[in-house]
Amino acid sequence: RFLEDQGYVGVDDGIDDLPRHLADYFDGIDRLQLAQGPAQSYRSEAEHFAAWLRIARRQWADIDDTIIDQYAVHDCRCPVWRKRGKLVATGTKRRRRCARHFVEFLRDRGVIPSVELVSDDDPHMAAYLAWLKQHRGATDETIRRYRADIRRLAPMLGEPSQWDAAVLRRAFQQRSKETPGSASLLVTIIRSYIRFLVVQGICRPALLHAIPSVQRYRLSTLPRHVNPATIEQIIGACPTDRPVEVRDKAIILLLARLGLRAGDIRDMHLDDIDWRSGHLTV
């Protein structure tokens, strides 16, 4: 590793001129004018991810959600991330988020290939993923998550034409025990897939009611909605001295005035705004 770090031993990791791409990525982070903490996290985790890939002998072209998840939970002994002689502990959520951000940057530049999301050997799954993409407007991340959960359920369920309520509930109970914190999302995924199969005439409509609802517990001291007066105070407190502050106020106005979702705002581009007629394309 020492000789690799010094450049005396080359490692064929499937990417050319990584230092230049890192420098360009750092410049892009600086242009976003983020706060010092988040900006440093994006920069540091990009270097950390690159070092881990080299040590783990992974190719950049093979990166997918599985590799990013392995990076997020790895027991860190990487040659970076040292502070005062000790390894700095970082959370899995931050590792995963920052690694994905850097990978998307490289994919947008064509440095590493994009992942094809809608291809699948199972014809039902392939048609479902295409339906999510084309007709439901699902993001790539949503499609990846739905596909992964349904593929884990498939061995427990068998052929859709043979499903019944008992089979669906057993599979749901078994899967929800493996990921108890995602039980409510699992309900949404299963119902979405069943709804698609019902429309296609592959399974019975009554099965849509076979999956039980999951109670979501909320902290009783937190209000579910912000009252209008508080919203106006938040908007009025937004400074507009820097471009990033103007952007933040625009985000808050889109949330408060138009009721857009966070994902809608994140995916919005300037081309989605018709300035003459005052319309937004969501």
C-alpha atoms as a PDB file:
ATOM      1  CA  ARG A   1       0.000   0.000   0.000  1.00  0.00           C
ATOM      2  CA  PHE A   2       2.872   2.361   0.735  1.00  0.00           C
ATOM      3  CA  LEU A   3       4.367   1.816  -2.736  1.00  0.00           C
ATOM      4  CA  GLU A   4       0.913   2.241  -4.287  1.00  0.00           C
ATOM      5  CA  ASP A   5       0.367   5.482  -2.393  1.00  0.00           C
ATOM      6  CA  GLN A   6       3.739   6.771  -3.626  1.00  0.00           C
ATOM      7  CA  GLY A   7       2.924   5.842  -7.223  1.00  0.00           C
ATOM      8  CA  TYR A   8       5.744   3.269  -7.570  1.00  0.00           C
ATOM      9  CA  VAL A   9       3.299   0.390  -8.015  1.00  0.00           C
ATOM     10  CA  GLY A  10       0.433   0.917 -10.406  1.00  0.00           C
ATOM     11  CA  VAL A  11      -3.081  -0.381  -9.761  1.00  0.00           C
ATOM     12  CA  ASP A  12      -5.395  -0.945 -12.704  1.00  0.00           C
ATOM     13  CA  ASP A  13      -8.699   0.182 -11.208  1.00  0.00           C
ATOM     14  CA  GLY A  14     -10.367   1.051 -14.503  1.00  0.00           C
ATOM     15  CA  ILE A  15     -10.188   4.860 -14.263  1.00  0.00           C
ATOM     16  CA  ASP A  16      -7.705   7.277 -15.803  1.00  0.00           C
ATOM     17  CA  ASP A  17      -6.281  10.337 -14.049  1.00  0.00           C
ATOM     18  CA  LEU A  18      -8.252  10.014 -10.812  1.00  0.00           C
ATOM     19  CA  PRO A  19      -6.462  13.000  -9.153  1.00  0.00           C
ATOM     20  CA  ARG A  20      -7.738  15.308 -11.907  1.00  0.00           C
ATOM     21  CA  HIS A  21     -11.315  14.060 -11.469  1.00  0.00           C
ATOM     22  CA  LEU A  22     -11.041  14.553  -7.717  1.00  0.00           C
ATOM     23  CA  ALA A  23      -9.766  18.103  -8.217  1.00  0.00           C
ATOM     24  CA  ASP A  24     -12.642  18.891 -10.595  1.00  0.00           C
ATOM     25  CA  TYR A  25     -15.092  17.393  -8.108  1.00  0.00           C
ATOM     26  CA  PHE A  26     -13.675  19.545  -5.308  1.00  0.00           C
ATOM     27  CA  ASP A  27     -14.048  22.638  -7.503  1.00  0.00           C
ATOM     28  CA  GLY A  28     -17.673  21.690  -8.159  1.00  0.00           C
ATOM     29  CA  ILE A  29     -18.314  21.341  -4.423  1.00  0.00           C
ATOM     30  CA  ASP A  30     -16.780  24.787  -3.836  1.00  0.00           C
ATOM     31  CA  ARG A  31     -19.049  26.323  -6.480  1.00  0.00           C
ATOM     32  CA  LEU A  32     -22.089  25.023  -4.599  1.00  0.00           C
ATOM     33  CA  GLN A  33     -21.122  27.332  -1.705  1.00  0.00           C
ATOM     34  CA  LEU A  34     -22.106  24.772   0.914  1.00  0.00           C
ATOM     35  CA  ALA A  35     -21.428  25.218   4.591  1.00  0.00           C
ATOM     36  CA  GLN A  36     -17.930  24.217   5.667  1.00  0.00           C
ATOM     37  CA  GLY A  37     -18.972  20.955   7.339  1.00  0.00           C
ATOM     38  CA  PRO A  38     -20.979  19.397   4.469  1.00  0.00           C
ATOM     39  CA  ALA A  39     -18.459  20.577   1.876  1.00  0.00           C
ATOM     40  CA  GLN A  40     -15.603  18.944   3.781  1.00  0.00           C
ATOM     41  CA  SER A  41     -17.654  15.742   4.107  1.00  0.00           C
ATOM     42  CA  TYR A  42     -18.161  15.481   0.337  1.00  0.00           C
ATOM     43  CA  ARG A  43     -14.482  16.115  -0.375  1.00  0.00           C
ATOM     44  CA  SER A  44     -13.150  13.771   2.300  1.00  0.00           C
ATOM     45  CA  GLU A  45     -15.536  10.926   1.547  1.00  0.00           C
ATOM     46  CA  ALA A  46     -14.635  11.070  -2.164  1.00  0.00           C
ATOM     47  CA  GLU A  47     -10.968  10.485  -1.275  1.00  0.00           C
ATOM     48  CA  HIS A  48     -11.981   7.844   1.264  1.00  0.00           C
ATOM     49  CA  PHE A  49     -14.120   5.967  -1.274  1.00  0.00           C
ATOM     50  CA  ALA A  50     -11.330   6.053  -3.869  1.00  0.00           C
ATOM     51  CA  ALA A  51      -8.839   4.656  -1.353  1.00  0.00           C
ATOM     52  CA  TRP A  52     -11.233   1.912  -0.233  1.00  0.00           C
ATOM     53  CA  LEU A  53     -11.903   0.832  -3.834  1.00  0.00           C
ATOM     54  CA  ARG A  54      -8.172   0.493  -4.458  1.00  0.00           C
ATOM     55  CA  ILE A  55      -7.566  -1.489  -1.277  1.00  0.00           C
ATOM     56  CA  ALA A  56     -10.611  -3.692  -1.908  1.00  0.00           C
ATOM     57  CA  ARG A  57      -9.428  -4.253  -5.507  1.00  0.00           C
ATOM     58  CA  ARG A  58     -12.730  -3.106  -7.009  1.00  0.00           C
ATOM     59  CA  GLN A  59     -13.126  -1.683 -10.500  1.00  0.00           C
ATOM     60  CA  TRP A  60     -14.782   1.709 -10.952  1.00  0.00           C
ATOM     61  CA  ALA A  61     -16.806   0.392 -13.875  1.00  0.00           C
ATOM     62  CA  ASP A  62     -18.420  -2.249 -11.627  1.00  0.00           C
ATOM     63  CA  ILE A  63     -19.740   0.166  -8.998  1.00  0.00           C
ATOM     64  CA  ASP A  64     -23.357  -0.424  -8.031  1.00  0.00           C
ATOM     65  CA  ASP A  65     -25.495  -0.104  -4.905  1.00  0.00           C
ATOM     66  CA  THR A  66     -24.035  -3.310  -3.455  1.00  0.00           C
ATOM     67  CA  ILE A  67     -20.457  -2.011  -3.622  1.00  0.00           C
ATOM     68  CA  ILE A  68     -21.494   1.368  -2.184  1.00  0.00           C
ATOM     69  CA  ASP A  69     -23.300  -0.385   0.692  1.00  0.00           C
ATOM     70  CA  GLN A  70     -20.192  -2.492   1.381  1.00  0.00           C
ATOM     71  CA  TYR A  71     -18.143   0.688   1.523  1.00  0.00           C
ATOM     72  CA  ALA A  72     -20.644   2.329   3.875  1.00  0.00           C
ATOM     73  CA  VAL A  73     -20.375  -0.450   6.478  1.00  0.00           C
ATOM     74  CA  HIS A  74     -16.708  -1.484   6.062  1.00  0.00           C
ATOM     75  CA  ASP A  75     -14.455  -1.695   9.103  1.00  0.00           C
ATOM     76  CA  CYS A  76     -12.230   1.219   8.199  1.00  0.00           C
ATOM     77  CA  ARG A  77      -8.476   0.628   8.035  1.00  0.00           C
ATOM     78  CA  CYS A  78      -7.974   2.894   5.045  1.00  0.00           C
ATOM     79  CA  PRO A  79      -4.772   4.974   4.758  1.00  0.00           C
ATOM     80  CA  VAL A  80      -6.815   8.181   4.739  1.00  0.00           C
ATOM     81  CA  TRP A  81      -9.110   9.519   7.423  1.00  0.00           C
ATOM     82  CA  ARG A  82      -6.527   9.850  10.166  1.00  0.00           C
ATOM     83  CA  LYS A  83      -6.707  12.611  12.734  1.00  0.00           C
ATOM     84  CA  ARG A  84      -4.282  12.877  15.640  1.00  0.00           C
ATOM     85  CA  GLY A  85      -3.134   9.319  15.007  1.00  0.00           C
ATOM     86  CA  LYS A  86      -6.615   7.804  15.257  1.00  0.00           C
ATOM     87  CA  LEU A  87      -9.149   6.734  12.674  1.00  0.00           C
ATOM     88  CA  VAL A  88     -12.067   9.107  12.434  1.00  0.00           C
ATOM     89  CA  ALA A  89     -15.367   7.266  12.786  1.00  0.00           C
ATOM     90  CA  THR A  90     -17.923   8.220  10.138  1.00  0.00           C
ATOM     91  CA  GLY A  91     -21.561   7.207   9.901  1.00  0.00           C
ATOM     92  CA  THR A  92     -22.798   4.781   7.266  1.00  0.00           C
ATOM     93  CA  LYS A  93     -25.416   7.244   6.013  1.00  0.00           C
ATOM     94  CA  ARG A  94     -22.824   9.907   5.330  1.00  0.00           C
ATOM     95  CA  ARG A  95     -20.472   7.436   3.645  1.00  0.00           C
ATOM     96  CA  ARG A  96     -23.272   6.135   1.421  1.00  0.00           C
ATOM     97  CA  ARG A  97     -24.621   9.584   0.528  1.00  0.00           C
ATOM     98  CA  CYS A  98     -21.238  11.129  -0.290  1.00  0.00           C
ATOM     99  CA  ALA A  99     -20.032   8.088  -2.247  1.00  0.00           C
ATOM    100  CA  ARG A 100     -23.171   8.136  -4.396  1.00  0.00           C
ATOM    101  CA  HIS A 101     -22.721  11.851  -5.003  1.00  0.00           C
ATOM    102  CA  PHE A 102     -19.163  11.327  -6.260  1.00  0.00           C
ATOM    103  CA  VAL A 103     -20.155   8.316  -8.386  1.00  0.00           C
ATOM    104  CA  GLU A 104     -22.966  10.314 -10.032  1.00  0.00           C
ATOM    105  CA  PHE A 105     -20.472  13.088 -10.761  1.00  0.00           C
ATOM    106  CA  LEU A 106     -18.187  10.614 -12.546  1.00  0.00           C
ATOM    107  CA  ARG A 107     -21.107   9.075 -14.450  1.00  0.00           C
ATOM    108  CA  ASP A 108     -22.343  12.463 -15.604  1.00  0.00           C
ATOM    109  CA  ARG A 109     -18.880  13.172 -16.999  1.00  0.00           C
ATOM    110  CA  GLY A 110     -18.757   9.816 -18.775  1.00  0.00           C
ATOM    111  CA  VAL A 111     -15.741   8.674 -16.752  1.00  0.00           C
ATOM    112  CA  ILE A 112     -17.492   5.493 -15.626  1.00  0.00           C
ATOM    113  CA  PRO A 113     -20.465   3.839 -17.348  1.00  0.00           C
ATOM    114  CA  SER A 114     -24.008   4.415 -16.160  1.00  0.00           C
ATOM    115  CA  VAL A 115     -25.995   1.527 -14.750  1.00  0.00           C
ATOM    116  CA  GLU A 116     -28.886   0.215 -16.814  1.00  0.00           C
ATOM    117  CA  LEU A 117     -31.798   0.008 -14.409  1.00  0.00           C
ATOM    118  CA  VAL A 118     -34.724  -1.426 -16.303  1.00  0.00           C
ATOM    119  CA  SER A 119     -33.247  -4.630 -17.717  1.00  0.00           C
ATOM    120  CA  ASP A 120     -34.091  -7.850 -15.919  1.00  0.00           C
ATOM    121  CA  ASP A 121     -34.320 -11.536 -16.741  1.00  0.00           C
ATOM    122  CA  ASP A 122     -37.817 -11.862 -15.245  1.00  0.00           C
ATOM    123  CA  PRO A 123     -40.303 -10.490 -17.833  1.00  0.00           C
ATOM    124  CA  HIS A 124     -42.729  -9.381 -15.096  1.00  0.00           C
ATOM    125  CA  MET A 125     -39.945  -7.480 -13.301  1.00  0.00           C
ATOM    126  CA  ALA A 126     -38.603  -5.914 -16.508  1.00  0.00           C
ATOM    127  CA  ALA A 127     -42.070  -4.657 -17.470  1.00  0.00           C
ATOM    128  CA  TYR A 128     -42.665  -3.368 -13.933  1.00  0.00           C
ATOM    129  CA  LEU A 129     -39.379  -1.425 -13.830  1.00  0.00           C
ATOM    130  CA  ALA A 130     -40.105   0.099 -17.238  1.00  0.00           C
ATOM    131  CA  TRP A 131     -43.576   1.069 -16.004  1.00  0.00           C
ATOM    132  CA  LEU A 132     -42.101   2.755 -12.917  1.00  0.00           C
ATOM    133  CA  LYS A 133     -39.686   4.720 -15.067  1.00  0.00           C
ATOM    134  CA  GLN A 134     -41.971   5.739 -17.920  1.00  0.00           C
ATOM    135  CA  HIS A 135     -45.420   6.051 -16.342  1.00  0.00           C
ATOM    136  CA  ARG A 136     -44.808   6.694 -12.645  1.00  0.00           C
ATOM    137  CA  GLY A 137     -41.838   9.058 -12.989  1.00  0.00           C
ATOM    138  CA  ALA A 138     -39.841   7.119 -10.380  1.00  0.00           C
ATOM    139  CA  THR A 139     -36.246   8.166  -9.795  1.00  0.00           C
ATOM    140  CA  ASP A 140     -33.349   5.822 -10.462  1.00  0.00           C
ATOM    141  CA  GLU A 141     -32.785   5.400  -6.725  1.00  0.00           C
ATOM    142  CA  THR A 142     -36.446   4.443  -6.173  1.00  0.00           C
ATOM    143  CA  ILE A 143     -36.287   1.893  -8.997  1.00  0.00           C
ATOM    144  CA  ARG A 144     -33.118   0.347  -7.556  1.00  0.00           C
ATOM    145  CA  ARG A 145     -34.721   0.043  -4.121  1.00  0.00           C
ATOM    146  CA  TYR A 146     -37.982  -1.441  -5.431  1.00  0.00           C
ATOM    147  CA  ARG A 147     -36.150  -3.931  -7.638  1.00  0.00           C
ATOM    148  CA  ALA A 148     -33.879  -5.092  -4.794  1.00  0.00           C
ATOM    149  CA  ASP A 149     -36.758  -5.702  -2.363  1.00  0.00           C
ATOM    150  CA  ILE A 150     -38.960  -7.492  -4.892  1.00  0.00           C
ATOM    151  CA  ARG A 151     -36.095  -9.757  -5.956  1.00  0.00           C
ATOM    152  CA  ARG A 152     -35.541 -10.730  -2.304  1.00  0.00           C
ATOM    153  CA  LEU A 153     -39.245 -11.549  -1.995  1.00  0.00           C
ATOM    154  CA  ALA A 154     -39.468 -13.511  -5.261  1.00  0.00           C
ATOM    155  CA  PRO A 155     -38.117 -16.865  -3.892  1.00  0.00           C
ATOM    156  CA  MET A 156     -40.684 -16.742  -1.071  1.00  0.00           C
ATOM    157  CA  LEU A 157     -43.616 -15.920  -3.377  1.00  0.00           C
ATOM    158  CA  GLY A 158     -43.225 -18.069  -6.481  1.00  0.00           C
ATOM    159  CA  GLU A 159     -45.241 -17.482  -9.646  1.00  0.00           C
ATOM    160  CA  PRO A 160     -47.626 -14.469  -9.411  1.00  0.00           C
ATOM    161  CA  SER A 161     -50.526 -16.468 -10.863  1.00  0.00           C
ATOM    162  CA  GLN A 162     -50.322 -18.802  -7.818  1.00  0.00           C
ATOM    163  CA  TRP A 163     -50.270 -16.123  -5.134  1.00  0.00           C
ATOM    164  CA  ASP A 164     -52.801 -16.017  -2.337  1.00  0.00           C
ATOM    165  CA  ALA A 165     -53.185 -13.895   0.801  1.00  0.00           C
ATOM    166  CA  ALA A 166     -51.408 -16.409   3.049  1.00  0.00           C
ATOM    167  CA  VAL A 167     -48.324 -16.572   0.797  1.00  0.00           C
ATOM    168  CA  LEU A 168     -48.072 -12.783   0.570  1.00  0.00           C
ATOM    169  CA  ARG A 169     -48.410 -12.288   4.309  1.00  0.00           C
ATOM    170  CA  ARG A 170     -45.830 -14.951   5.171  1.00  0.00           C
ATOM    171  CA  ALA A 171     -43.328 -13.388   2.780  1.00  0.00           C
ATOM    172  CA  PHE A 172     -44.026  -9.910   4.154  1.00  0.00           C
ATOM    173  CA  GLN A 173     -43.628 -11.035   7.777  1.00  0.00           C
ATOM    174  CA  GLN A 174     -40.362 -12.810   7.049  1.00  0.00           C
ATOM    175  CA  ARG A 175     -38.921  -9.890   5.112  1.00  0.00           C
ATOM    176  CA  SER A 176     -40.084  -7.264   7.629  1.00  0.00           C
ATOM    177  CA  LYS A 177     -38.270  -9.157  10.418  1.00  0.00           C
ATOM    178  CA  GLU A 178     -35.031  -8.811   8.447  1.00  0.00           C
ATOM    179  CA  THR A 179     -35.482  -5.041   8.045  1.00  0.00           C
ATOM    180  CA  PRO A 180     -37.933  -3.919  10.777  1.00  0.00           C
ATOM    181  CA  GLY A 181     -37.166  -0.237  10.243  1.00  0.00           C
ATOM    182  CA  SER A 182     -38.319  -0.414   6.612  1.00  0.00           C
ATOM    183  CA  ALA A 183     -41.600  -2.283   7.131  1.00  0.00           C
ATOM    184  CA  SER A 184     -43.796   0.629   6.044  1.00  0.00           C
ATOM    185  CA  LEU A 185     -41.743   1.142   2.875  1.00  0.00           C
ATOM    186  CA  LEU A 186     -41.933  -2.594   2.189  1.00  0.00           C
ATOM    187  CA  VAL A 187     -45.742  -2.362   2.273  1.00  0.00           C
ATOM    188  CA  THR A 188     -45.611   0.411  -0.326  1.00  0.00           C
ATOM    189  CA  ILE A 189     -43.293  -1.601  -2.587  1.00  0.00           C
ATOM    190  CA  ILE A 190     -45.318  -4.815  -2.429  1.00  0.00           C
ATOM    191  CA  ARG A 191     -48.610  -3.031  -3.047  1.00  0.00           C
ATOM    192  CA  SER A 192     -47.105  -1.161  -5.982  1.00  0.00           C
ATOM    193  CA  TYR A 193     -45.949  -4.417  -7.591  1.00  0.00           C
ATOM    194  CA  ILE A 194     -49.270  -6.142  -6.937  1.00  0.00           C
ATOM    195  CA  ARG A 195     -51.151  -3.174  -8.388  1.00  0.00           C
ATOM    196  CA  PHE A 196     -49.080  -3.424 -11.563  1.00  0.00           C
ATOM    197  CA  LEU A 197     -49.681  -7.176 -11.867  1.00  0.00           C
ATOM    198  CA  VAL A 198     -53.421  -6.692 -11.298  1.00  0.00           C
ATOM    199  CA  VAL A 199     -53.565  -4.171 -14.151  1.00  0.00           C
ATOM    200  CA  GLN A 200     -51.727  -6.668 -16.351  1.00  0.00           C
ATOM    201  CA  GLY A 201     -54.248  -9.388 -15.437  1.00  0.00           C
ATOM    202  CA  ILE A 202     -51.549 -11.599 -13.907  1.00  0.00           C
ATOM    203  CA  CYS A 203     -52.927 -11.856 -10.349  1.00  0.00           C
ATOM    204  CA  ARG A 204     -56.288 -11.369  -8.613  1.00  0.00           C
ATOM    205  CA  PRO A 205     -57.377  -7.814  -7.622  1.00  0.00           C
ATOM    206  CA  ALA A 206     -58.361  -8.943  -4.108  1.00  0.00           C
ATOM    207  CA  LEU A 207     -54.689  -9.575  -3.284  1.00  0.00           C
ATOM    208  CA  LEU A 208     -54.123  -5.833  -3.148  1.00  0.00           C
ATOM    209  CA  HIS A 209     -55.738  -5.916   0.331  1.00  0.00           C
ATOM    210  CA  ALA A 210     -53.723  -8.904   1.570  1.00  0.00           C
ATOM    211  CA  ILE A 211     -50.772  -6.860   2.869  1.00  0.00           C
ATOM    212  CA  PRO A 212     -51.463  -5.354   6.307  1.00  0.00           C
ATOM    213  CA  SER A 213     -50.786  -1.716   7.064  1.00  0.00           C
ATOM    214  CA  VAL A 214     -47.929  -0.790   9.392  1.00  0.00           C
ATOM    215  CA  GLN A 215     -48.467   1.721  12.156  1.00  0.00           C
ATOM    216  CA  ARG A 216     -46.071   4.651  12.030  1.00  0.00           C
ATOM    217  CA  TYR A 217     -45.378   6.073  15.459  1.00  0.00           C
ATOM    218  CA  ARG A 218     -44.753   9.785  15.791  1.00  0.00           C
ATOM    219  CA  LEU A 219     -43.394  11.803  18.663  1.00  0.00           C
ATOM    220  CA  SER A 220     -46.457  13.254  20.333  1.00  0.00           C
ATOM    221  CA  THR A 221     -44.695  16.537  21.129  1.00  0.00           C
ATOM    222  CA  LEU A 222     -43.943  17.359  17.491  1.00  0.00           C
ATOM    223  CA  PRO A 223     -46.632  19.055  15.386  1.00  0.00           C
ATOM    224  CA  ARG A 224     -47.505  17.403  12.071  1.00  0.00           C
ATOM    225  CA  HIS A 225     -47.836  20.749  10.317  1.00  0.00           C
ATOM    226  CA  VAL A 226     -46.216  24.167  10.651  1.00  0.00           C
ATOM    227  CA  ASN A 227     -48.710  26.977  11.155  1.00  0.00           C
ATOM    228  CA  PRO A 228     -48.812  29.796   8.549  1.00  0.00           C
ATOM    229  CA  ALA A 229     -47.375  32.415  10.914  1.00  0.00           C
ATOM    230  CA  THR A 230     -44.277  30.305  11.567  1.00  0.00           C
ATOM    231  CA  ILE A 231     -43.810  29.687   7.844  1.00  0.00           C
ATOM    232  CA  GLU A 232     -43.890  33.430   7.182  1.00  0.00           C
ATOM    233  CA  GLN A 233     -41.299  33.961   9.920  1.00  0.00           C
ATOM    234  CA  ILE A 234     -39.041  31.348   8.331  1.00  0.00           C
ATOM    235  CA  ILE A 235     -39.361  32.983   4.903  1.00  0.00           C
ATOM    236  CA  GLY A 236     -38.753  36.437   6.349  1.00  0.00           C
ATOM    237  CA  ALA A 237     -35.616  35.247   8.152  1.00  0.00           C
ATOM    238  CA  CYS A 238     -33.956  34.021   4.947  1.00  0.00           C
ATOM    239  CA  PRO A 239     -30.973  36.213   3.977  1.00  0.00           C
ATOM    240  CA  THR A 240     -30.338  36.873   0.287  1.00  0.00           C
ATOM    241  CA  ASP A 241     -26.797  38.260   0.300  1.00  0.00           C
ATOM    242  CA  ARG A 242     -25.168  35.246  -1.420  1.00  0.00           C
ATOM    243  CA  PRO A 243     -26.321  33.055  -4.326  1.00  0.00           C
ATOM    244  CA  VAL A 244     -26.600  30.009  -2.066  1.00  0.00           C
ATOM    245  CA  GLU A 245     -28.890  31.986   0.285  1.00  0.00           C
ATOM    246  CA  VAL A 246     -31.099  33.030  -2.635  1.00  0.00           C
ATOM    247  CA  ARG A 247     -31.294  29.372  -3.666  1.00  0.00           C
ATOM    248  CA  ASP A 248     -32.260  28.303  -0.137  1.00  0.00           C
ATOM    249  CA  LYS A 249     -35.040  30.880   0.016  1.00  0.00           C
ATOM    250  CA  ALA A 250     -36.316  29.736  -3.386  1.00  0.00           C
ATOM    251  CA  ILE A 251     -36.425  26.148  -2.086  1.00  0.00           C
ATOM    252  CA  ILE A 252     -38.401  27.208   0.983  1.00  0.00           C
ATOM    253  CA  LEU A 253     -40.836  29.199  -1.168  1.00  0.00           C
ATOM    254  CA  LEU A 254     -41.402  26.199  -3.460  1.00  0.00           C
ATOM    255  CA  LEU A 255     -42.100  24.019  -0.415  1.00  0.00           C
ATOM    256  CA  ALA A 256     -44.351  26.528   1.322  1.00  0.00           C
ATOM    257  CA  ARG A 257     -46.209  28.187  -1.576  1.00  0.00           C
ATOM    258  CA  LEU A 258     -46.560  25.341  -4.097  1.00  0.00           C
ATOM    259  CA  GLY A 259     -46.355  22.321  -1.812  1.00  0.00           C
ATOM    260  CA  LEU A 260     -43.676  20.592  -3.905  1.00  0.00           C
ATOM    261  CA  ARG A 261     -41.911  17.562  -2.506  1.00  0.00           C
ATOM    262  CA  ALA A 262     -38.218  17.625  -1.671  1.00  0.00           C
ATOM    263  CA  GLY A 263     -37.468  15.185  -4.490  1.00  0.00           C
ATOM    264  CA  ASP A 264     -39.340  17.358  -7.003  1.00  0.00           C
ATOM    265  CA  ILE A 265     -37.211  20.360  -6.084  1.00  0.00           C
ATOM    266  CA  ARG A 266     -33.973  18.385  -6.079  1.00  0.00           C
ATOM    267  CA  ASP A 267     -34.614  17.119  -9.620  1.00  0.00           C
ATOM    268  CA  MET A 268     -35.664  20.510 -10.985  1.00  0.00           C
ATOM    269  CA  HIS A 269     -33.583  22.195 -13.713  1.00  0.00           C
ATOM    270  CA  LEU A 270     -33.745  25.719 -15.092  1.00  0.00           C
ATOM    271  CA  ASP A 271     -35.207  24.313 -18.315  1.00  0.00           C
ATOM    272  CA  ASP A 272     -38.241  23.172 -16.281  1.00  0.00           C
ATOM    273  CA  ILE A 273     -39.221  26.818 -15.684  1.00  0.00           C
ATOM    274  CA  ASP A 274     -41.251  28.717 -18.273  1.00  0.00           C
ATOM    275  CA  TRP A 275     -40.448  32.280 -17.256  1.00  0.00           C
ATOM    276  CA  ARG A 276     -42.884  33.918 -19.714  1.00  0.00           C
ATOM    277  CA  SER A 277     -45.992  32.024 -18.645  1.00  0.00           C
ATOM    278  CA  GLY A 278     -44.931  31.398 -15.049  1.00  0.00           C
ATOM    279  CA  HIS A 279     -45.243  27.598 -15.221  1.00  0.00           C
ATOM    280  CA  LEU A 280     -43.129  24.872 -13.606  1.00  0.00           C
ATOM    281  CA  THR A 281     -42.771  21.389 -15.056  1.00  0.00           C
ATOM    282  CA  VAL A 282     -42.642  18.772 -12.268  1.00  0.00           C
END
